[in-house]
């Protein structure tokens, strides 16, 4: 019933971001309510009318997360960070979805089933370096909220994973110490 009411509401008031937000919550929280892809064009139209609406961009990111389209999640949360440069969530979620996107790349590399160890290792090394793109986002999130362990947890894990890259072992030691103090 809620879905029907919200869909009727968005027909009557297509620019109402609160109704659109309600639909996004319903479609992403309840299994079987609807395909989140059905809402993409509505979000895009609303963003065309209101391109600086942080909540719409955040909702768009959640929508694409439900569809496991992490590249579009990254676009959305980078826009959130642009709109609110000192917002912890915008920076944290940008870093998070960069990690999720790289994890998909690693899964693809592992799924190839190749017996060429050197080729597979080269591809995994390339994917690992993509994790570096997440570091500044988590570092900014930590700068914004130094008491939240979430960003430190990712910084600790990512810097350990990248410890063979120049300068990463020092970062790992710093973030690992902070992580241990926060636990």
N, C-alpha and C. Protein backbone atom coordinates (compact mmCIF):
# COMPACT_ATOMS: atom_id res chain seq x y z
N UNK A 1 0.82 -1.19 0.00
CA UNK A 1 0.00 0.00 0.00
C UNK A 1 0.86 1.26 0.00
N UNK A 2 1.93 1.22 0.77
CA UNK A 2 2.81 2.39 0.83
C UNK A 2 3.41 2.69 -0.53
N UNK A 3 3.80 1.65 -1.23
CA UNK A 3 4.37 1.81 -2.57
C UNK A 3 3.36 2.49 -3.48
N UNK A 4 2.12 2.03 -3.46
CA UNK A 4 1.09 2.61 -4.32
C UNK A 4 0.86 4.08 -4.00
N UNK A 5 0.82 4.41 -2.72
CA UNK A 5 0.61 5.80 -2.30
C UNK A 5 1.77 6.67 -2.77
N UNK A 6 2.99 6.18 -2.57
CA UNK A 6 4.17 6.96 -2.97
C UNK A 6 4.24 7.13 -4.50
N UNK A 7 3.94 6.07 -5.23
CA UNK A 7 3.95 6.16 -6.70
C UNK A 7 2.89 7.15 -7.19
N UNK A 8 1.73 7.15 -6.57
CA UNK A 8 0.68 8.11 -6.93
C UNK A 8 1.14 9.53 -6.58
N UNK A 9 1.78 9.66 -5.42
CA UNK A 9 2.28 10.97 -4.99
C UNK A 9 3.32 11.54 -5.93
N UNK A 10 4.23 10.69 -6.41
CA UNK A 10 5.28 11.18 -7.31
C UNK A 10 4.71 11.55 -8.67
N UNK A 11 3.60 10.90 -9.07
CA UNK A 11 2.93 11.28 -10.32
C UNK A 11 2.33 12.68 -10.18
N UNK A 12 1.73 12.93 -9.03
CA UNK A 12 1.10 14.24 -8.80
C UNK A 12 2.12 15.34 -8.55
N UNK A 13 3.21 14.98 -7.88
CA UNK A 13 4.24 15.95 -7.49
C UNK A 13 5.62 15.43 -7.89
N UNK A 14 5.93 15.42 -9.18
CA UNK A 14 7.16 14.81 -9.67
C UNK A 14 8.45 15.46 -9.17
N UNK A 15 8.37 16.67 -8.65
CA UNK A 15 9.57 17.35 -8.17
C UNK A 15 9.75 17.20 -6.65
N UNK A 16 8.88 16.45 -6.01
CA UNK A 16 8.93 16.31 -4.57
C UNK A 16 10.00 15.29 -4.17
N UNK A 17 11.11 15.79 -3.66
CA UNK A 17 12.23 14.91 -3.32
C UNK A 17 11.93 14.05 -2.09
N UNK A 18 11.02 14.48 -1.23
CA UNK A 18 10.68 13.68 -0.06
C UNK A 18 9.94 12.40 -0.46
N UNK A 19 9.04 12.52 -1.44
CA UNK A 19 8.34 11.33 -1.93
C UNK A 19 9.34 10.39 -2.60
N UNK A 20 10.23 10.96 -3.38
CA UNK A 20 11.24 10.15 -4.06
C UNK A 20 12.14 9.45 -3.04
N UNK A 21 12.50 10.16 -1.98
CA UNK A 21 13.31 9.57 -0.92
C UNK A 21 12.55 8.41 -0.26
N UNK A 22 11.26 8.59 -0.05
CA UNK A 22 10.44 7.52 0.52
C UNK A 22 10.43 6.29 -0.37
N UNK A 23 10.30 6.50 -1.66
CA UNK A 23 10.34 5.38 -2.61
C UNK A 23 11.69 4.66 -2.56
N UNK A 24 12.76 5.46 -2.52
CA UNK A 24 14.09 4.87 -2.48
C UNK A 24 14.23 4.01 -1.23
N UNK A 25 13.79 4.52 -0.08
CA UNK A 25 13.88 3.74 1.16
C UNK A 25 13.09 2.44 1.05
N UNK A 26 11.90 2.54 0.51
CA UNK A 26 11.04 1.37 0.37
C UNK A 26 11.64 0.33 -0.57
N UNK A 27 12.14 0.80 -1.71
CA UNK A 27 12.68 -0.11 -2.72
C UNK A 27 14.01 -0.74 -2.28
N UNK A 28 14.76 -0.05 -1.44
CA UNK A 28 16.06 -0.60 -1.05
C UNK A 28 16.01 -1.34 0.28
N UNK A 29 14.95 -1.15 1.07
CA UNK A 29 14.87 -1.80 2.38
C UNK A 29 14.02 -3.05 2.36
N UNK A 30 13.05 -3.11 1.50
CA UNK A 30 12.11 -4.23 1.47
C UNK A 30 12.34 -5.08 0.23
N UNK A 31 12.64 -6.33 0.44
CA UNK A 31 12.82 -7.26 -0.68
C UNK A 31 11.48 -7.48 -1.38
N UNK A 32 11.51 -7.42 -2.70
CA UNK A 32 10.32 -7.73 -3.47
C UNK A 32 9.35 -6.59 -3.68
N UNK A 33 9.65 -5.41 -3.12
CA UNK A 33 8.75 -4.26 -3.30
C UNK A 33 8.82 -3.75 -4.73
N UNK A 34 10.02 -3.75 -5.27
CA UNK A 34 10.20 -3.27 -6.64
C UNK A 34 11.67 -3.26 -7.00
N UNK A 35 11.93 -3.11 -8.26
CA UNK A 35 13.29 -3.06 -8.76
C UNK A 35 13.80 -1.63 -8.61
N UNK A 36 14.88 -1.42 -7.84
CA UNK A 36 15.42 -0.07 -7.66
C UNK A 36 15.74 0.63 -8.99
N UNK A 37 16.02 -0.15 -10.05
CA UNK A 37 16.31 0.44 -11.36
C UNK A 37 15.13 1.26 -11.88
N UNK A 38 13.91 0.92 -11.41
CA UNK A 38 12.72 1.65 -11.83
C UNK A 38 12.75 3.11 -11.37
N UNK A 39 13.55 3.40 -10.35
CA UNK A 39 13.59 4.75 -9.79
C UNK A 39 14.69 5.63 -10.37
N UNK A 40 15.61 5.04 -11.12
CA UNK A 40 16.76 5.79 -11.62
C UNK A 40 16.33 7.01 -12.42
N UNK A 41 15.42 6.83 -13.37
CA UNK A 41 15.02 7.97 -14.21
C UNK A 41 14.33 9.05 -13.38
N UNK A 42 13.61 8.66 -12.34
CA UNK A 42 12.98 9.66 -11.46
C UNK A 42 14.03 10.46 -10.71
N UNK A 43 15.06 9.77 -10.21
CA UNK A 43 16.15 10.47 -9.51
C UNK A 43 16.88 11.40 -10.46
N UNK A 44 17.17 10.92 -11.66
CA UNK A 44 17.89 11.74 -12.64
C UNK A 44 17.08 13.00 -12.99
N UNK A 45 15.78 12.85 -13.15
CA UNK A 45 14.93 14.01 -13.46
C UNK A 45 14.91 14.99 -12.30
N UNK A 46 14.82 14.49 -11.09
CA UNK A 46 14.82 15.37 -9.92
C UNK A 46 16.15 16.09 -9.78
N UNK A 47 17.24 15.38 -10.04
CA UNK A 47 18.57 16.00 -9.95
C UNK A 47 18.78 17.04 -11.04
N UNK A 48 18.14 16.85 -12.17
CA UNK A 48 18.22 17.84 -13.24
C UNK A 48 17.58 19.15 -12.77
N UNK A 49 16.48 19.02 -12.04
CA UNK A 49 15.78 20.20 -11.51
C UNK A 49 16.45 20.78 -10.27
N UNK A 50 17.16 19.96 -9.52
CA UNK A 50 17.76 20.39 -8.26
C UNK A 50 19.13 19.73 -8.10
N UNK A 51 20.12 20.15 -8.90
CA UNK A 51 21.42 19.46 -8.93
C UNK A 51 22.27 19.61 -7.67
N UNK A 52 21.87 20.49 -6.76
CA UNK A 52 22.66 20.66 -5.54
C UNK A 52 21.95 20.09 -4.32
N UNK A 53 20.99 19.21 -4.55
CA UNK A 53 20.25 18.61 -3.45
C UNK A 53 21.04 17.40 -2.90
N UNK A 54 21.68 17.63 -1.78
CA UNK A 54 22.52 16.61 -1.14
C UNK A 54 21.73 15.32 -0.91
N UNK A 55 20.52 15.45 -0.38
CA UNK A 55 19.72 14.26 -0.06
C UNK A 55 19.39 13.44 -1.30
N UNK A 56 19.13 14.10 -2.42
CA UNK A 56 18.88 13.37 -3.66
C UNK A 56 20.13 12.61 -4.10
N UNK A 57 21.29 13.26 -4.03
CA UNK A 57 22.53 12.58 -4.41
C UNK A 57 22.81 11.40 -3.49
N UNK A 58 22.57 11.59 -2.19
CA UNK A 58 22.78 10.51 -1.23
C UNK A 58 21.83 9.35 -1.54
N UNK A 59 20.57 9.68 -1.79
CA UNK A 59 19.59 8.65 -2.14
C UNK A 59 19.95 7.93 -3.42
N UNK A 60 20.47 8.69 -4.39
CA UNK A 60 20.91 8.09 -5.65
C UNK A 60 22.02 7.07 -5.38
N UNK A 61 22.93 7.43 -4.49
CA UNK A 61 24.00 6.49 -4.13
C UNK A 61 23.45 5.22 -3.50
N UNK A 62 22.48 5.36 -2.63
CA UNK A 62 21.87 4.19 -1.99
C UNK A 62 21.13 3.33 -3.02
N UNK A 63 20.51 4.01 -3.96
CA UNK A 63 19.78 3.31 -5.02
C UNK A 63 20.74 2.45 -5.84
N UNK A 64 21.85 3.04 -6.25
CA UNK A 64 22.82 2.29 -7.04
C UNK A 64 23.51 1.21 -6.22
N UNK A 65 23.64 1.42 -4.91
CA UNK A 65 24.17 0.37 -4.05
C UNK A 65 23.26 -0.86 -4.09
N UNK A 66 21.95 -0.63 -4.04
CA UNK A 66 20.99 -1.75 -4.10
C UNK A 66 21.14 -2.52 -5.40
N UNK A 67 21.61 -1.85 -6.45
CA UNK A 67 21.80 -2.50 -7.74
C UNK A 67 23.24 -2.99 -7.93
N UNK A 68 24.08 -2.80 -6.89
CA UNK A 68 25.49 -3.18 -6.91
C UNK A 68 26.26 -2.52 -8.05
N UNK A 69 25.86 -1.29 -8.37
CA UNK A 69 26.56 -0.48 -9.37
C UNK A 69 27.42 0.52 -8.60
N UNK A 70 28.60 0.04 -8.18
CA UNK A 70 29.43 0.84 -7.29
C UNK A 70 30.06 2.05 -7.97
N UNK A 71 30.27 1.96 -9.26
CA UNK A 71 30.82 3.13 -9.97
C UNK A 71 29.86 4.32 -9.86
N UNK A 72 28.58 4.07 -10.00
CA UNK A 72 27.59 5.15 -9.86
C UNK A 72 27.43 5.59 -8.40
N UNK A 73 27.62 4.65 -7.48
CA UNK A 73 27.63 5.02 -6.05
C UNK A 73 28.74 6.04 -5.81
N UNK A 74 29.91 5.75 -6.36
CA UNK A 74 31.06 6.64 -6.19
C UNK A 74 30.75 8.02 -6.75
N UNK A 75 30.16 8.07 -7.94
CA UNK A 75 29.78 9.35 -8.55
C UNK A 75 28.86 10.12 -7.59
N UNK A 76 27.87 9.43 -7.04
CA UNK A 76 26.90 10.08 -6.16
C UNK A 76 27.54 10.61 -4.89
N UNK A 77 28.36 9.79 -4.25
CA UNK A 77 28.93 10.21 -2.98
C UNK A 77 30.05 11.24 -3.16
N UNK A 78 30.74 11.20 -4.28
CA UNK A 78 31.70 12.28 -4.57
C UNK A 78 30.96 13.61 -4.70
N UNK A 79 29.79 13.57 -5.33
CA UNK A 79 28.97 14.79 -5.45
C UNK A 79 28.52 15.25 -4.06
N UNK A 80 28.14 14.31 -3.21
CA UNK A 80 27.77 14.67 -1.83
C UNK A 80 28.95 15.36 -1.13
N UNK A 81 30.15 14.83 -1.32
CA UNK A 81 31.34 15.44 -0.70
C UNK A 81 31.62 16.81 -1.28
N UNK A 82 31.35 16.99 -2.55
CA UNK A 82 31.51 18.30 -3.18
C UNK A 82 30.52 19.30 -2.58
N UNK A 83 29.29 18.84 -2.38
CA UNK A 83 28.25 19.72 -1.84
C UNK A 83 28.46 20.03 -0.35
N UNK A 84 28.99 19.06 0.37
CA UNK A 84 29.25 19.23 1.81
C UNK A 84 30.67 18.72 2.11
N UNK A 85 31.66 19.60 1.89
CA UNK A 85 33.06 19.18 2.01
C UNK A 85 33.46 18.67 3.39
N UNK A 86 32.71 19.00 4.41
CA UNK A 86 33.05 18.55 5.76
C UNK A 86 32.07 17.53 6.30
N UNK A 87 31.47 16.76 5.41
CA UNK A 87 30.51 15.74 5.79
C UNK A 87 31.19 14.38 5.87
N UNK A 88 31.20 13.81 7.05
CA UNK A 88 31.84 12.50 7.27
C UNK A 88 31.26 11.44 6.35
N UNK A 89 29.93 11.33 6.33
CA UNK A 89 29.28 10.26 5.56
C UNK A 89 29.65 10.31 4.08
N UNK A 90 29.67 11.49 3.50
CA UNK A 90 29.99 11.61 2.07
C UNK A 90 31.38 11.06 1.77
N UNK A 91 32.34 11.39 2.62
CA UNK A 91 33.71 10.92 2.40
C UNK A 91 33.84 9.43 2.72
N UNK A 92 33.26 9.02 3.83
CA UNK A 92 33.34 7.61 4.21
C UNK A 92 32.73 6.72 3.13
N UNK A 93 31.52 7.07 2.66
CA UNK A 93 30.85 6.21 1.69
C UNK A 93 31.54 6.24 0.33
N UNK A 94 32.17 7.35 -0.02
CA UNK A 94 32.95 7.36 -1.27
C UNK A 94 34.07 6.34 -1.16
N UNK A 95 34.83 6.39 -0.07
CA UNK A 95 35.90 5.41 0.14
C UNK A 95 35.38 3.99 0.17
N UNK A 96 34.29 3.79 0.87
CA UNK A 96 33.69 2.46 0.99
C UNK A 96 33.34 1.88 -0.39
N UNK A 97 32.71 2.69 -1.24
CA UNK A 97 32.29 2.16 -2.54
C UNK A 97 33.45 2.01 -3.50
N UNK A 98 34.52 2.76 -3.31
CA UNK A 98 35.74 2.50 -4.09
C UNK A 98 36.26 1.11 -3.72
N UNK A 99 36.28 0.81 -2.43
CA UNK A 99 36.72 -0.52 -1.98
C UNK A 99 35.82 -1.61 -2.55
N UNK A 100 34.52 -1.40 -2.48
CA UNK A 100 33.59 -2.41 -3.02
C UNK A 100 33.79 -2.61 -4.52
N UNK A 101 34.03 -1.54 -5.25
CA UNK A 101 34.25 -1.64 -6.69
C UNK A 101 35.54 -2.42 -6.99
N UNK A 102 36.59 -2.16 -6.23
CA UNK A 102 37.84 -2.89 -6.42
C UNK A 102 37.65 -4.36 -6.04
N UNK A 103 36.87 -4.62 -5.01
CA UNK A 103 36.61 -6.01 -4.63
C UNK A 103 35.95 -6.78 -5.77
N UNK A 104 35.07 -6.11 -6.53
CA UNK A 104 34.47 -6.75 -7.71
C UNK A 104 35.53 -7.09 -8.75
N UNK A 105 36.47 -6.19 -8.95
CA UNK A 105 37.57 -6.44 -9.90
C UNK A 105 38.37 -7.66 -9.46
N UNK A 106 38.67 -7.73 -8.17
CA UNK A 106 39.45 -8.86 -7.65
C UNK A 106 38.67 -10.16 -7.80
N UNK A 107 37.37 -10.12 -7.54
CA UNK A 107 36.54 -11.32 -7.74
C UNK A 107 36.58 -11.78 -9.19
N UNK A 108 36.53 -10.81 -10.12
CA UNK A 108 36.60 -11.17 -11.54
C UNK A 108 37.93 -11.81 -11.89
N UNK A 109 39.01 -11.24 -11.35
CA UNK A 109 40.34 -11.80 -11.62
C UNK A 109 40.42 -13.22 -11.07
N UNK A 110 39.93 -13.41 -9.86
CA UNK A 110 39.98 -14.74 -9.24
C UNK A 110 39.09 -15.75 -9.96
N UNK A 111 38.01 -15.27 -10.56
CA UNK A 111 37.05 -16.16 -11.22
C UNK A 111 37.52 -16.61 -12.61
N UNK A 112 38.57 -16.01 -13.13
CA UNK A 112 39.01 -16.38 -14.48
C UNK A 112 39.49 -17.81 -14.54
N UNK A 113 39.97 -18.32 -13.42
CA UNK A 113 40.43 -19.71 -13.40
C UNK A 113 41.70 -19.93 -14.19
N UNK A 114 42.42 -18.86 -14.47
CA UNK A 114 43.65 -18.99 -15.25
C UNK A 114 44.71 -19.75 -14.45
N UNK A 115 45.51 -20.49 -15.15
CA UNK A 115 46.62 -21.19 -14.51
C UNK A 115 47.92 -20.41 -14.66
N UNK A 116 47.84 -19.27 -15.32
CA UNK A 116 49.00 -18.41 -15.49
C UNK A 116 49.15 -17.55 -14.23
N UNK A 117 49.96 -18.05 -13.30
CA UNK A 117 50.11 -17.39 -12.01
C UNK A 117 50.62 -15.96 -12.15
N UNK A 118 51.61 -15.75 -13.02
CA UNK A 118 52.20 -14.42 -13.17
C UNK A 118 51.18 -13.41 -13.70
N UNK A 119 50.36 -13.83 -14.67
CA UNK A 119 49.34 -12.95 -15.22
C UNK A 119 48.29 -12.63 -14.15
N UNK A 120 47.86 -13.64 -13.43
CA UNK A 120 46.86 -13.41 -12.38
C UNK A 120 47.43 -12.50 -11.29
N UNK A 121 48.67 -12.72 -10.90
CA UNK A 121 49.29 -11.88 -9.86
C UNK A 121 49.44 -10.44 -10.35
N UNK A 122 49.78 -10.26 -11.62
CA UNK A 122 49.89 -8.91 -12.18
C UNK A 122 48.54 -8.20 -12.11
N UNK A 123 47.48 -8.90 -12.48
CA UNK A 123 46.14 -8.31 -12.43
C UNK A 123 45.73 -8.00 -10.99
N UNK A 124 46.04 -8.88 -10.06
CA UNK A 124 45.72 -8.62 -8.66
C UNK A 124 46.52 -7.44 -8.12
N UNK A 125 47.78 -7.34 -8.50
CA UNK A 125 48.59 -6.19 -8.07
C UNK A 125 48.03 -4.88 -8.61
N UNK A 126 47.57 -4.90 -9.87
CA UNK A 126 46.94 -3.70 -10.45
C UNK A 126 45.66 -3.35 -9.69
N UNK A 127 44.88 -4.35 -9.37
CA UNK A 127 43.64 -4.10 -8.62
C UNK A 127 43.95 -3.57 -7.23
N UNK A 128 44.96 -4.14 -6.59
CA UNK A 128 45.32 -3.66 -5.26
C UNK A 128 45.68 -2.18 -5.26
N UNK A 129 46.35 -1.75 -6.31
CA UNK A 129 46.74 -0.34 -6.38
C UNK A 129 45.50 0.58 -6.49
N UNK A 130 44.41 0.04 -7.03
CA UNK A 130 43.18 0.83 -7.10
C UNK A 130 42.64 1.16 -5.72
N UNK A 131 42.99 0.32 -4.73
CA UNK A 131 42.58 0.61 -3.35
C UNK A 131 43.14 1.95 -2.86
N UNK A 132 44.24 2.37 -3.44
CA UNK A 132 44.85 3.64 -3.01
C UNK A 132 43.90 4.81 -3.23
N UNK A 133 43.01 4.70 -4.22
CA UNK A 133 42.05 5.77 -4.47
C UNK A 133 41.11 5.99 -3.29
N UNK A 134 40.92 4.97 -2.47
CA UNK A 134 40.03 5.09 -1.32
C UNK A 134 40.69 5.79 -0.14
N UNK A 135 42.01 5.74 -0.06
CA UNK A 135 42.71 6.27 1.11
C UNK A 135 42.39 7.73 1.42
N UNK A 136 42.46 8.66 0.44
CA UNK A 136 42.19 10.07 0.79
C UNK A 136 40.77 10.29 1.30
N UNK A 137 39.84 9.48 0.83
CA UNK A 137 38.45 9.63 1.28
C UNK A 137 38.30 9.21 2.74
N UNK A 138 38.93 8.09 3.09
CA UNK A 138 38.88 7.65 4.49
C UNK A 138 39.70 8.58 5.39
N UNK A 139 40.82 9.10 4.86
CA UNK A 139 41.62 10.04 5.65
C UNK A 139 40.83 11.31 5.95
N UNK A 140 40.11 11.81 4.96
CA UNK A 140 39.28 13.00 5.18
C UNK A 140 38.14 12.69 6.15
N UNK A 141 37.53 11.53 6.02
CA UNK A 141 36.47 11.14 6.96
C UNK A 141 37.02 11.10 8.37
N UNK A 142 38.22 10.54 8.53
CA UNK A 142 38.85 10.50 9.86
C UNK A 142 39.17 11.91 10.37
N UNK A 143 39.61 12.76 9.49
CA UNK A 143 39.90 14.15 9.87
C UNK A 143 38.62 14.84 10.36
N UNK A 144 37.52 14.58 9.69
CA UNK A 144 36.24 15.18 10.05
C UNK A 144 35.73 14.63 11.38
N UNK A 145 35.85 13.33 11.57
CA UNK A 145 35.38 12.70 12.80
C UNK A 145 36.44 11.74 13.32
N UNK A 146 37.41 12.26 14.08
CA UNK A 146 38.52 11.42 14.53
C UNK A 146 38.14 10.38 15.58
N UNK A 147 36.92 10.43 16.11
CA UNK A 147 36.52 9.45 17.13
C UNK A 147 35.78 8.25 16.54
N UNK A 148 35.48 8.28 15.25
CA UNK A 148 34.76 7.17 14.63
C UNK A 148 35.76 6.12 14.15
N UNK A 149 35.53 4.90 14.56
CA UNK A 149 36.47 3.82 14.24
C UNK A 149 36.32 3.31 12.80
N UNK A 150 35.20 3.59 12.15
CA UNK A 150 34.95 3.06 10.81
C UNK A 150 36.02 3.41 9.80
N UNK A 151 36.35 4.68 9.69
CA UNK A 151 37.37 5.10 8.73
C UNK A 151 38.74 4.55 9.12
N UNK A 152 39.04 4.54 10.40
CA UNK A 152 40.34 4.03 10.86
C UNK A 152 40.46 2.53 10.56
N UNK A 153 39.37 1.80 10.72
CA UNK A 153 39.38 0.37 10.41
C UNK A 153 39.77 0.15 8.94
N UNK A 154 39.15 0.92 8.04
CA UNK A 154 39.49 0.77 6.62
C UNK A 154 40.92 1.23 6.34
N UNK A 155 41.34 2.33 6.94
CA UNK A 155 42.71 2.81 6.73
C UNK A 155 43.72 1.77 7.21
N UNK A 156 43.44 1.17 8.34
CA UNK A 156 44.31 0.13 8.89
C UNK A 156 44.42 -1.05 7.91
N UNK A 157 43.28 -1.53 7.44
CA UNK A 157 43.27 -2.70 6.54
C UNK A 157 43.89 -2.38 5.18
N UNK A 158 43.53 -1.22 4.62
CA UNK A 158 44.04 -0.87 3.30
C UNK A 158 45.55 -0.64 3.32
N UNK A 159 46.03 0.07 4.33
CA UNK A 159 47.47 0.34 4.40
C UNK A 159 48.25 -0.95 4.63
N UNK A 160 47.68 -1.89 5.40
CA UNK A 160 48.34 -3.18 5.55
C UNK A 160 48.39 -3.91 4.21
N UNK A 161 47.29 -3.90 3.51
CA UNK A 161 47.22 -4.58 2.21
C UNK A 161 48.24 -3.97 1.24
N UNK A 162 48.47 -2.67 1.34
CA UNK A 162 49.36 -1.95 0.43
C UNK A 162 50.75 -1.71 1.04
N UNK A 163 51.08 -2.44 2.08
CA UNK A 163 52.30 -2.18 2.85
C UNK A 163 53.58 -2.25 2.04
N UNK A 164 53.56 -2.92 0.89
CA UNK A 164 54.76 -3.02 0.06
C UNK A 164 54.94 -1.79 -0.84
N UNK A 165 53.93 -0.94 -0.89
CA UNK A 165 54.02 0.30 -1.66
C UNK A 165 54.76 1.33 -0.81
N UNK A 166 55.63 2.07 -1.44
CA UNK A 166 56.43 3.05 -0.70
C UNK A 166 55.56 3.98 0.15
N UNK A 167 55.91 4.09 1.41
CA UNK A 167 55.22 4.98 2.34
C UNK A 167 54.02 4.37 3.04
N UNK A 168 53.57 3.23 2.57
CA UNK A 168 52.35 2.64 3.14
C UNK A 168 52.61 1.97 4.49
N UNK A 169 53.79 1.41 4.69
CA UNK A 169 54.06 0.74 5.97
C UNK A 169 54.03 1.77 7.11
N UNK A 170 54.53 2.96 6.85
CA UNK A 170 54.49 4.01 7.86
C UNK A 170 53.04 4.39 8.17
N UNK A 171 52.24 4.51 7.12
CA UNK A 171 50.82 4.82 7.32
C UNK A 171 50.13 3.68 8.07
N UNK A 172 50.47 2.46 7.70
CA UNK A 172 49.87 1.32 8.39
C UNK A 172 50.19 1.39 9.88
N UNK A 173 51.45 1.62 10.22
CA UNK A 173 51.83 1.68 11.63
C UNK A 173 51.03 2.76 12.37
N UNK A 174 50.87 3.90 11.75
CA UNK A 174 50.10 5.01 12.35
C UNK A 174 48.63 4.61 12.55
N UNK A 175 48.01 4.10 11.51
CA UNK A 175 46.59 3.77 11.60
C UNK A 175 46.33 2.52 12.44
N UNK A 176 47.26 1.60 12.43
CA UNK A 176 47.10 0.41 13.26
C UNK A 176 47.14 0.79 14.74
N UNK A 177 48.07 1.66 15.07
CA UNK A 177 48.15 2.12 16.47
C UNK A 177 46.87 2.83 16.88
N UNK A 178 46.36 3.71 16.01
CA UNK A 178 45.10 4.40 16.30
C UNK A 178 43.95 3.40 16.43
N UNK A 179 43.91 2.42 15.54
CA UNK A 179 42.87 1.41 15.58
C UNK A 179 42.90 0.64 16.91
N UNK A 180 44.08 0.25 17.32
CA UNK A 180 44.21 -0.50 18.55
C UNK A 180 43.80 0.35 19.77
N UNK A 181 44.12 1.64 19.74
CA UNK A 181 43.72 2.53 20.83
C UNK A 181 42.21 2.71 20.88
N UNK A 182 41.56 2.68 19.74
CA UNK A 182 40.11 2.94 19.67
C UNK A 182 39.27 1.71 20.03
N UNK A 183 39.88 0.53 19.98
CA UNK A 183 39.10 -0.68 20.26
C UNK A 183 38.81 -0.81 21.73
